[in-house]
Amino acid sequence: MTPKLIIIDGYNVLGAMGLPPRRVLENGEQVREGFIVRVGLYGQRMNCPVTLVFDAWQQSQKDSRIIHRSGVTVIYTGQGQPADHVIQQLIRTHGKEAAVVSSDGEIIQVAKTFGAFSIRSQQFIERLTSGGTREAHLNRIKGGAASKGHDQITVTAKEKKGNPRKLPKKLRQRNRIMRKF
């Protein structure tokens, strides 16, 4: 099942890229705008709307702002309002139809509770860059095992029934979603 909405924790992903919030604020909006454009292109490629949430905890703005830019809905939270709370509310609203990008443990737990698909920031960055395409990922898997000369080793228990080479159902479902994501 492909997600109908992608929710991204903005500063969490930028932090995973090596740009903490203070550094982004020092460099102005140029870094954030470039990131918004890249996420917009990703959303177009996925044919899925994207909501990007940024903390505005150091800004003087009292109320939250919602801006539509490059095909992305960008939410800047109000002063004293963490982005995590906004993201959790979006997860509660959209439930299973949402995919969440964050490495924050609390957000991931809420996503699991409400049936939303979650992906860590570092995995999303790999998919956001050109090397994160499905074809490149398949080539790495095929080329990596063949070039190292390792065979896959399967461990089986005698009491278990079923195909020992088949992944558990939850892992197969996650892999199916990851291929589409």
N, C-alpha and C. Protein backbone atom coordinates (compact mmCIF):
# COMPACT_ATOMS: atom_id res chain seq x y z
N MET A 1 0.84 -1.18 0.00
CA MET A 1 0.00 0.00 0.00
C MET A 1 0.88 1.24 0.00
N THR A 2 0.68 2.11 -0.96
CA THR A 2 1.46 3.35 -0.99
C THR A 2 0.79 4.37 -0.08
N PRO A 3 1.58 5.21 0.56
CA PRO A 3 1.00 6.20 1.46
C PRO A 3 0.27 7.28 0.68
N LYS A 4 -0.74 7.86 1.33
CA LYS A 4 -1.49 8.94 0.71
C LYS A 4 -0.98 10.30 1.18
N LEU A 5 -0.12 10.29 2.20
CA LEU A 5 0.49 11.52 2.71
C LEU A 5 1.83 11.17 3.33
N ILE A 6 2.84 11.95 3.01
CA ILE A 6 4.16 11.78 3.62
C ILE A 6 4.36 12.96 4.58
N ILE A 7 4.62 12.64 5.84
CA ILE A 7 4.85 13.66 6.87
C ILE A 7 6.33 13.61 7.24
N ILE A 8 7.01 14.74 7.14
CA ILE A 8 8.45 14.78 7.37
C ILE A 8 8.77 15.74 8.51
N ASP A 9 9.57 15.24 9.46
CA ASP A 9 10.10 16.06 10.55
C ASP A 9 11.31 16.81 9.98
N GLY A 10 11.12 18.06 9.61
CA GLY A 10 12.10 18.82 8.84
C GLY A 10 13.49 18.90 9.46
N TYR A 11 13.58 19.42 10.68
CA TYR A 11 14.90 19.59 11.30
C TYR A 11 15.52 18.25 11.67
N ASN A 12 14.71 17.23 11.87
CA ASN A 12 15.25 15.90 12.17
C ASN A 12 15.98 15.36 10.95
N VAL A 13 15.40 15.53 9.77
CA VAL A 13 16.04 15.06 8.53
C VAL A 13 17.25 15.93 8.21
N LEU A 14 17.13 17.24 8.35
CA LEU A 14 18.27 18.11 8.10
C LEU A 14 19.41 17.80 9.08
N GLY A 15 19.08 17.45 10.32
CA GLY A 15 20.10 17.07 11.28
C GLY A 15 20.80 15.78 10.87
N ALA A 16 20.05 14.84 10.30
CA ALA A 16 20.65 13.59 9.82
C ALA A 16 21.54 13.85 8.61
N MET A 17 21.30 14.95 7.91
CA MET A 17 22.14 15.34 6.78
C MET A 17 23.38 16.08 7.25
N GLY A 18 23.48 16.31 8.55
CA GLY A 18 24.64 17.03 9.10
C GLY A 18 24.40 18.51 9.28
N LEU A 19 23.14 18.93 9.25
CA LEU A 19 22.80 20.34 9.41
C LEU A 19 21.87 20.51 10.62
N PRO A 20 22.40 20.74 11.81
CA PRO A 20 21.55 20.95 12.96
C PRO A 20 20.76 22.25 12.83
N PRO A 21 19.64 22.40 13.55
CA PRO A 21 18.76 23.57 13.40
C PRO A 21 19.49 24.91 13.56
N ARG A 22 20.41 25.01 14.50
CA ARG A 22 21.10 26.30 14.69
C ARG A 22 21.92 26.67 13.45
N ARG A 23 22.54 25.68 12.84
CA ARG A 23 23.34 25.94 11.64
C ARG A 23 22.44 26.34 10.47
N VAL A 24 21.27 25.72 10.38
CA VAL A 24 20.33 26.08 9.31
C VAL A 24 19.86 27.51 9.51
N LEU A 25 19.58 27.90 10.77
CA LEU A 25 19.13 29.25 11.04
C LEU A 25 20.23 30.27 10.73
N GLU A 26 21.51 29.90 10.99
CA GLU A 26 22.62 30.80 10.71
C GLU A 26 22.80 31.00 9.20
N ASN A 27 22.59 29.97 8.43
CA ASN A 27 22.77 30.04 6.98
C ASN A 27 21.57 30.63 6.26
N GLY A 28 20.57 31.02 7.01
CA GLY A 28 19.39 31.63 6.41
C GLY A 28 18.45 30.58 5.85
N GLU A 29 17.58 31.05 5.00
CA GLU A 29 16.55 30.17 4.46
C GLU A 29 17.02 29.39 3.24
N GLN A 30 18.21 29.65 2.76
CA GLN A 30 18.69 29.01 1.54
C GLN A 30 18.74 27.49 1.69
N VAL A 31 19.24 27.00 2.81
CA VAL A 31 19.33 25.55 3.04
C VAL A 31 17.94 24.95 3.12
N ARG A 32 17.06 25.62 3.87
CA ARG A 32 15.70 25.12 4.03
C ARG A 32 14.96 25.13 2.70
N GLU A 33 15.12 26.17 1.92
CA GLU A 33 14.43 26.26 0.63
C GLU A 33 14.92 25.17 -0.34
N GLY A 34 16.21 24.93 -0.35
CA GLY A 34 16.74 23.86 -1.20
C GLY A 34 16.19 22.50 -0.80
N PHE A 35 16.07 22.29 0.51
CA PHE A 35 15.51 21.04 1.02
C PHE A 35 14.03 20.91 0.64
N ILE A 36 13.29 22.00 0.72
CA ILE A 36 11.87 21.97 0.35
C ILE A 36 11.71 21.61 -1.12
N VAL A 37 12.56 22.16 -1.97
CA VAL A 37 12.49 21.86 -3.41
C VAL A 37 12.78 20.38 -3.65
N ARG A 38 13.82 19.83 -2.98
CA ARG A 38 14.17 18.41 -3.15
C ARG A 38 13.03 17.52 -2.68
N VAL A 39 12.42 17.87 -1.56
CA VAL A 39 11.30 17.08 -1.05
C VAL A 39 10.10 17.19 -1.99
N GLY A 40 9.89 18.37 -2.56
CA GLY A 40 8.80 18.55 -3.53
C GLY A 40 8.98 17.67 -4.75
N LEU A 41 10.20 17.58 -5.25
CA LEU A 41 10.48 16.71 -6.40
C LEU A 41 10.26 15.24 -6.03
N TYR A 42 10.65 14.87 -4.82
CA TYR A 42 10.42 13.50 -4.36
C TYR A 42 8.93 13.20 -4.29
N GLY A 43 8.15 14.15 -3.76
CA GLY A 43 6.70 13.97 -3.68
C GLY A 43 6.06 13.82 -5.05
N GLN A 44 6.56 14.59 -6.03
CA GLN A 44 6.06 14.46 -7.40
C GLN A 44 6.40 13.09 -7.98
N ARG A 45 7.63 12.63 -7.72
CA ARG A 45 8.05 11.32 -8.21
C ARG A 45 7.21 10.21 -7.59
N MET A 46 6.86 10.38 -6.32
CA MET A 46 6.04 9.39 -5.61
C MET A 46 4.55 9.57 -5.91
N ASN A 47 4.18 10.71 -6.50
CA ASN A 47 2.79 11.05 -6.75
C ASN A 47 2.00 11.03 -5.44
N CYS A 48 2.56 11.73 -4.45
CA CYS A 48 2.00 11.73 -3.11
C CYS A 48 2.22 13.11 -2.48
N PRO A 49 1.20 13.67 -1.83
CA PRO A 49 1.40 14.97 -1.16
C PRO A 49 2.35 14.84 0.02
N VAL A 50 3.14 15.90 0.24
CA VAL A 50 4.13 15.91 1.31
C VAL A 50 3.84 17.06 2.25
N THR A 51 3.90 16.78 3.55
CA THR A 51 3.79 17.81 4.57
C THR A 51 5.10 17.83 5.35
N LEU A 52 5.73 18.98 5.37
CA LEU A 52 7.02 19.16 6.02
C LEU A 52 6.81 20.06 7.23
N VAL A 53 7.23 19.59 8.42
CA VAL A 53 6.99 20.33 9.66
C VAL A 53 8.33 20.79 10.23
N PHE A 54 8.44 22.11 10.48
CA PHE A 54 9.63 22.69 11.08
C PHE A 54 9.28 23.31 12.43
N ASP A 55 10.19 23.16 13.38
CA ASP A 55 10.06 23.86 14.66
C ASP A 55 10.36 25.33 14.42
N ALA A 56 9.61 26.19 15.10
CA ALA A 56 9.92 27.62 15.07
C ALA A 56 10.19 28.08 16.49
N TRP A 57 10.81 27.22 17.27
CA TRP A 57 11.02 27.49 18.69
C TRP A 57 11.95 28.65 18.96
N GLN A 58 12.79 29.03 18.02
CA GLN A 58 13.68 30.17 18.24
C GLN A 58 13.21 31.40 17.47
N GLN A 59 12.10 31.31 16.83
CA GLN A 59 11.58 32.43 16.07
C GLN A 59 10.66 33.26 16.97
N SER A 60 10.42 34.46 16.58
CA SER A 60 9.57 35.35 17.39
C SER A 60 8.10 35.21 17.04
N GLN A 61 7.76 34.31 16.13
CA GLN A 61 6.38 34.13 15.71
C GLN A 61 5.56 33.43 16.78
N LYS A 62 4.42 33.99 17.10
CA LYS A 62 3.55 33.40 18.12
C LYS A 62 2.71 32.26 17.56
N ASP A 63 2.16 32.46 16.36
CA ASP A 63 1.26 31.48 15.75
C ASP A 63 1.99 30.66 14.70
N SER A 64 1.44 29.48 14.44
CA SER A 64 2.04 28.64 13.41
C SER A 64 1.66 29.17 12.02
N ARG A 65 2.51 28.89 11.04
CA ARG A 65 2.27 29.30 9.65
C ARG A 65 2.21 28.07 8.78
N ILE A 66 1.33 28.09 7.80
CA ILE A 66 1.25 27.02 6.81
C ILE A 66 1.48 27.67 5.44
N ILE A 67 2.50 27.15 4.74
CA ILE A 67 2.87 27.70 3.44
C ILE A 67 2.90 26.55 2.44
N HIS A 68 2.42 26.81 1.23
CA HIS A 68 2.48 25.82 0.16
C HIS A 68 3.57 26.27 -0.82
N ARG A 69 4.62 25.45 -0.94
CA ARG A 69 5.74 25.83 -1.77
C ARG A 69 6.29 24.59 -2.47
N SER A 70 6.49 24.66 -3.75
CA SER A 70 7.08 23.57 -4.56
C SER A 70 6.31 22.27 -4.42
N GLY A 71 5.00 22.35 -4.28
CA GLY A 71 4.19 21.15 -4.14
C GLY A 71 4.23 20.54 -2.75
N VAL A 72 4.76 21.27 -1.78
CA VAL A 72 4.90 20.78 -0.41
C VAL A 72 4.15 21.71 0.52
N THR A 73 3.42 21.13 1.47
CA THR A 73 2.80 21.91 2.52
C THR A 73 3.81 22.03 3.65
N VAL A 74 4.27 23.25 3.91
CA VAL A 74 5.28 23.48 4.94
C VAL A 74 4.59 24.11 6.15
N ILE A 75 4.76 23.47 7.31
CA ILE A 75 4.17 23.98 8.54
C ILE A 75 5.31 24.44 9.44
N TYR A 76 5.29 25.72 9.80
CA TYR A 76 6.20 26.26 10.80
C TYR A 76 5.40 26.38 12.10
N THR A 77 5.82 25.67 13.13
CA THR A 77 5.06 25.69 14.38
C THR A 77 5.21 27.05 15.05
N GLY A 78 4.29 27.34 15.96
CA GLY A 78 4.35 28.59 16.71
C GLY A 78 5.38 28.52 17.81
N GLN A 79 5.64 29.67 18.42
CA GLN A 79 6.63 29.74 19.49
C GLN A 79 6.19 28.87 20.67
N GLY A 80 7.09 28.02 21.13
CA GLY A 80 6.80 27.13 22.25
C GLY A 80 6.04 25.87 21.87
N GLN A 81 5.70 25.71 20.61
CA GLN A 81 4.98 24.52 20.16
C GLN A 81 5.95 23.62 19.40
N PRO A 82 6.29 22.46 19.95
CA PRO A 82 7.24 21.58 19.26
C PRO A 82 6.63 20.96 18.00
N ALA A 83 7.48 20.72 17.02
CA ALA A 83 7.03 20.08 15.78
C ALA A 83 6.54 18.67 16.04
N ASP A 84 7.11 18.02 17.07
CA ASP A 84 6.70 16.65 17.39
C ASP A 84 5.21 16.56 17.68
N HIS A 85 4.66 17.54 18.38
CA HIS A 85 3.23 17.52 18.69
C HIS A 85 2.38 17.67 17.43
N VAL A 86 2.82 18.53 16.52
CA VAL A 86 2.09 18.72 15.26
C VAL A 86 2.14 17.44 14.43
N ILE A 87 3.31 16.81 14.37
CA ILE A 87 3.47 15.58 13.60
C ILE A 87 2.60 14.48 14.20
N GLN A 88 2.60 14.36 15.52
CA GLN A 88 1.78 13.34 16.17
C GLN A 88 0.31 13.56 15.91
N GLN A 89 -0.12 14.82 15.87
CA GLN A 89 -1.53 15.12 15.57
C GLN A 89 -1.86 14.74 14.12
N LEU A 90 -0.94 15.00 13.19
CA LEU A 90 -1.15 14.60 11.80
C LEU A 90 -1.23 13.08 11.68
N ILE A 91 -0.41 12.36 12.43
CA ILE A 91 -0.45 10.90 12.42
C ILE A 91 -1.79 10.41 12.94
N ARG A 92 -2.26 11.01 14.02
CA ARG A 92 -3.56 10.60 14.59
C ARG A 92 -4.69 10.87 13.60
N THR A 93 -4.58 11.96 12.85
CA THR A 93 -5.62 12.32 11.89
C THR A 93 -5.64 11.38 10.69
N HIS A 94 -4.47 11.07 10.13
CA HIS A 94 -4.40 10.29 8.88
C HIS A 94 -4.20 8.80 9.09
N GLY A 95 -3.67 8.39 10.23
CA GLY A 95 -3.53 6.97 10.56
C GLY A 95 -2.76 6.17 9.55
N LYS A 96 -3.37 5.08 9.06
CA LYS A 96 -2.70 4.14 8.16
C LYS A 96 -2.37 4.74 6.80
N GLU A 97 -2.99 5.84 6.45
CA GLU A 97 -2.76 6.44 5.15
C GLU A 97 -1.49 7.29 5.11
N ALA A 98 -0.83 7.45 6.25
CA ALA A 98 0.35 8.32 6.32
C ALA A 98 1.64 7.52 6.38
N ALA A 99 2.69 8.15 5.89
CA ALA A 99 4.06 7.65 6.06
C ALA A 99 4.82 8.77 6.77
N VAL A 100 5.57 8.41 7.79
CA VAL A 100 6.24 9.40 8.63
C VAL A 100 7.75 9.25 8.48
N VAL A 101 8.44 10.37 8.29
CA VAL A 101 9.90 10.37 8.19
C VAL A 101 10.44 11.09 9.41
N SER A 102 11.05 10.33 10.32
CA SER A 102 11.65 10.89 11.52
C SER A 102 12.47 9.82 12.22
N SER A 103 13.48 10.24 12.96
CA SER A 103 14.24 9.31 13.77
C SER A 103 13.90 9.46 15.25
N ASP A 104 12.92 10.29 15.54
CA ASP A 104 12.48 10.53 16.91
C ASP A 104 11.68 9.31 17.40
N GLY A 105 12.13 8.71 18.48
CA GLY A 105 11.50 7.49 19.00
C GLY A 105 10.04 7.67 19.36
N GLU A 106 9.69 8.81 19.93
CA GLU A 106 8.31 9.07 20.33
C GLU A 106 7.39 9.14 19.11
N ILE A 107 7.85 9.78 18.05
CA ILE A 107 7.05 9.89 16.83
C ILE A 107 6.88 8.52 16.19
N ILE A 108 7.95 7.72 16.17
CA ILE A 108 7.87 6.38 15.59
C ILE A 108 6.89 5.52 16.37
N GLN A 109 6.89 5.65 17.70
CA GLN A 109 5.96 4.88 18.53
C GLN A 109 4.51 5.27 18.25
N VAL A 110 4.24 6.55 18.10
CA VAL A 110 2.88 7.00 17.77
C VAL A 110 2.48 6.48 16.38
N ALA A 111 3.42 6.48 15.44
CA ALA A 111 3.14 5.96 14.10
C ALA A 111 2.77 4.49 14.16
N LYS A 112 3.50 3.71 14.95
CA LYS A 112 3.18 2.29 15.10
C LYS A 112 1.81 2.11 15.73
N THR A 113 1.52 2.91 16.73
CA THR A 113 0.23 2.80 17.43
C THR A 113 -0.94 3.05 16.49
N PHE A 114 -0.81 4.03 15.60
CA PHE A 114 -1.90 4.39 14.70
C PHE A 114 -1.80 3.74 13.33
N GLY A 115 -0.85 2.82 13.16
CA GLY A 115 -0.74 2.06 11.92
C GLY A 115 -0.07 2.77 10.77
N ALA A 116 0.57 3.90 11.03
CA ALA A 116 1.26 4.63 9.96
C ALA A 116 2.62 4.00 9.70
N PHE A 117 3.06 4.09 8.48
CA PHE A 117 4.37 3.57 8.10
C PHE A 117 5.41 4.59 8.52
N SER A 118 6.52 4.13 9.11
CA SER A 118 7.57 5.07 9.52
C SER A 118 8.90 4.66 8.89
N ILE A 119 9.68 5.66 8.57
CA ILE A 119 11.01 5.44 8.01
C ILE A 119 11.95 6.41 8.71
N ARG A 120 13.13 5.94 9.03
CA ARG A 120 14.12 6.77 9.72
C ARG A 120 14.69 7.81 8.74
N SER A 121 15.16 8.90 9.30
CA SER A 121 15.65 10.02 8.50
C SER A 121 16.79 9.61 7.58
N GLN A 122 17.72 8.82 8.08
CA GLN A 122 18.88 8.42 7.27
C GLN A 122 18.45 7.58 6.06
N GLN A 123 17.47 6.69 6.25
CA GLN A 123 16.97 5.89 5.13
C GLN A 123 16.29 6.79 4.10
N PHE A 124 15.57 7.79 4.58
CA PHE A 124 14.88 8.71 3.67
C PHE A 124 15.89 9.53 2.87
N ILE A 125 16.98 9.95 3.52
CA ILE A 125 18.01 10.72 2.82
C ILE A 125 18.60 9.90 1.68
N GLU A 126 18.82 8.60 1.92
CA GLU A 126 19.35 7.73 0.87
C GLU A 126 18.38 7.67 -0.31
N ARG A 127 17.09 7.64 -0.02
CA ARG A 127 16.10 7.60 -1.10
C ARG A 127 15.93 8.95 -1.77
N LEU A 128 16.18 10.02 -1.02
CA LEU A 128 16.04 11.37 -1.56
C LEU A 128 17.16 11.70 -2.54
N THR A 129 18.34 11.16 -2.28
CA THR A 129 19.47 11.40 -3.18
C THR A 129 19.35 10.50 -4.41
N SER A 130 20.13 10.77 -5.39
CA SER A 130 20.05 10.00 -6.63
C SER A 130 20.43 8.55 -6.43
N GLY A 131 21.28 8.25 -5.45
CA GLY A 131 21.69 6.87 -5.18
C GLY A 131 20.61 6.07 -4.49
N GLY A 132 19.52 6.70 -4.10
CA GLY A 132 18.47 6.00 -3.38
C GLY A 132 17.38 5.46 -4.26
N THR A 133 17.61 5.42 -5.57
CA THR A 133 16.59 4.89 -6.45
C THR A 133 16.49 3.38 -6.29
N ARG A 134 15.40 2.86 -6.68
CA ARG A 134 15.14 1.42 -6.52
C ARG A 134 16.15 0.59 -7.32
N GLU A 135 16.47 1.05 -8.54
CA GLU A 135 17.41 0.31 -9.38
C GLU A 135 18.80 0.28 -8.75
N ALA A 136 19.25 1.41 -8.21
CA ALA A 136 20.57 1.45 -7.58
C ALA A 136 20.60 0.56 -6.35
N HIS A 137 19.49 0.53 -5.61
CA HIS A 137 19.42 -0.32 -4.42
C HIS A 137 19.50 -1.80 -4.81
N LEU A 138 18.80 -2.19 -5.86
CA LEU A 138 18.84 -3.58 -6.31
C LEU A 138 20.23 -3.94 -6.82
N ASN A 139 20.89 -3.02 -7.52
CA ASN A 139 22.25 -3.29 -8.01
C ASN A 139 23.23 -3.46 -6.85
N ARG A 140 23.06 -2.66 -5.79
CA ARG A 140 23.94 -2.80 -4.63
C ARG A 140 23.77 -4.15 -3.97
N ILE A 141 22.52 -4.61 -3.88
CA ILE A 141 22.25 -5.90 -3.25
C ILE A 141 22.86 -7.02 -4.10
N LYS A 142 22.59 -6.98 -5.40
CA LYS A 142 23.10 -8.04 -6.29
C LYS A 142 24.62 -7.99 -6.39
N GLY A 143 25.16 -6.81 -6.60
CA GLY A 143 26.61 -6.67 -6.77
C GLY A 143 27.36 -6.91 -5.48
N GLY A 144 26.80 -6.50 -4.35
CA GLY A 144 27.49 -6.65 -3.07
C GLY A 144 27.67 -8.10 -2.68
N ALA A 145 26.65 -8.93 -2.85
CA ALA A 145 26.76 -10.34 -2.48
C ALA A 145 27.65 -11.09 -3.46
N ALA A 146 27.57 -10.74 -4.74
CA ALA A 146 28.36 -11.46 -5.74
C ALA A 146 29.83 -11.09 -5.67
N SER A 147 30.10 -9.80 -5.42
CA SER A 147 31.50 -9.37 -5.41
C SER A 147 32.24 -9.88 -4.18
N LYS A 148 31.59 -10.05 -3.07
CA LYS A 148 32.24 -10.53 -1.86
C LYS A 148 32.36 -12.04 -1.84
N GLY A 149 31.60 -12.70 -2.68
CA GLY A 149 31.68 -14.15 -2.75
C GLY A 149 30.99 -14.86 -1.59
N HIS A 150 30.12 -14.16 -0.89
CA HIS A 150 29.41 -14.76 0.23
C HIS A 150 28.09 -15.35 -0.24
N ASP A 151 27.78 -16.49 0.28
CA ASP A 151 26.47 -17.07 0.02
C ASP A 151 25.58 -16.75 1.21
N GLN A 152 24.28 -16.66 0.96
CA GLN A 152 23.37 -16.42 2.06
C GLN A 152 23.25 -17.68 2.89
N ILE A 153 23.32 -17.51 4.19
CA ILE A 153 23.21 -18.64 5.11
C ILE A 153 21.85 -18.55 5.78
N THR A 154 21.11 -19.63 5.73
CA THR A 154 19.82 -19.65 6.39
C THR A 154 19.90 -20.53 7.62
N VAL A 155 19.29 -20.06 8.69
CA VAL A 155 19.27 -20.82 9.94
C VAL A 155 17.85 -21.30 10.12
N THR A 156 17.70 -22.59 10.32
CA THR A 156 16.36 -23.15 10.48
C THR A 156 16.29 -23.90 11.80
N ALA A 157 15.12 -23.90 12.36
CA ALA A 157 14.87 -24.67 13.58
C ALA A 157 13.99 -25.85 13.20
N LYS A 158 14.17 -26.99 13.84
CA LYS A 158 13.44 -28.20 13.47
C LYS A 158 11.97 -28.12 13.83
N GLU A 159 11.63 -27.33 14.88
CA GLU A 159 10.22 -27.30 15.27
C GLU A 159 9.38 -26.39 14.38
N LYS A 160 10.02 -25.49 13.65
CA LYS A 160 9.26 -24.55 12.83
C LYS A 160 8.73 -25.22 11.58
N LYS A 161 7.58 -24.73 11.13
CA LYS A 161 6.99 -25.22 9.89
C LYS A 161 7.00 -24.10 8.87
N GLY A 162 6.84 -24.43 7.64
CA GLY A 162 6.79 -23.43 6.59
C GLY A 162 8.11 -23.27 5.89
N ASN A 163 8.16 -22.36 4.97
CA ASN A 163 9.35 -22.13 4.16
C ASN A 163 10.40 -21.39 4.99
N PRO A 164 11.56 -22.00 5.21
CA PRO A 164 12.57 -21.34 6.04
C PRO A 164 13.24 -20.15 5.35
N ARG A 165 13.12 -20.05 4.04
CA ARG A 165 13.74 -18.95 3.31
C ARG A 165 12.82 -17.74 3.20
N LYS A 166 11.60 -17.90 3.59
CA LYS A 166 10.62 -16.84 3.48
C LYS A 166 10.71 -15.93 4.71
N LEU A 167 10.75 -14.63 4.48
CA LEU A 167 10.81 -13.67 5.57
C LEU A 167 9.49 -13.66 6.33
N PRO A 168 9.50 -13.24 7.60
CA PRO A 168 8.24 -13.11 8.33
C PRO A 168 7.31 -12.11 7.64
N LYS A 169 6.04 -12.29 7.87
CA LYS A 169 5.01 -11.50 7.19
C LYS A 169 5.20 -10.00 7.40
N LYS A 170 5.50 -9.58 8.63
CA LYS A 170 5.68 -8.15 8.90
C LYS A 170 6.86 -7.58 8.11
N LEU A 171 7.94 -8.35 8.02
CA LEU A 171 9.10 -7.89 7.25
C LEU A 171 8.79 -7.83 5.76
N ARG A 172 8.03 -8.80 5.25
CA ARG A 172 7.65 -8.77 3.84
C ARG A 172 6.78 -7.56 3.54
N GLN A 173 5.84 -7.25 4.44
CA GLN A 173 4.98 -6.09 4.24
C GLN A 173 5.81 -4.80 4.26
N ARG A 174 6.73 -4.70 5.22
CA ARG A 174 7.58 -3.50 5.30
C ARG A 174 8.44 -3.36 4.05
N ASN A 175 9.01 -4.46 3.58
CA ASN A 175 9.84 -4.41 2.37
C ASN A 175 9.02 -4.01 1.16
N ARG A 176 7.77 -4.48 1.08
CA ARG A 176 6.90 -4.12 -0.03
C ARG A 176 6.64 -2.62 -0.03
N ILE A 177 6.39 -2.06 1.14
CA ILE A 177 6.14 -0.61 1.23
C ILE A 177 7.41 0.17 0.93
N MET A 178 8.56 -0.33 1.44
CA MET A 178 9.83 0.36 1.20
C MET A 178 10.17 0.42 -0.30
N ARG A 179 9.82 -0.62 -1.04
CA ARG A 179 10.09 -0.62 -2.48
C ARG A 179 9.30 0.49 -3.17
N LYS A 180 8.08 0.72 -2.70
CA LYS A 180 7.25 1.78 -3.30
C LYS A 180 7.65 3.15 -2.79
N PHE A 181 8.19 3.20 -1.59
CA PHE A 181 8.56 4.47 -0.96
C PHE A 181 9.84 4.94 -1.57
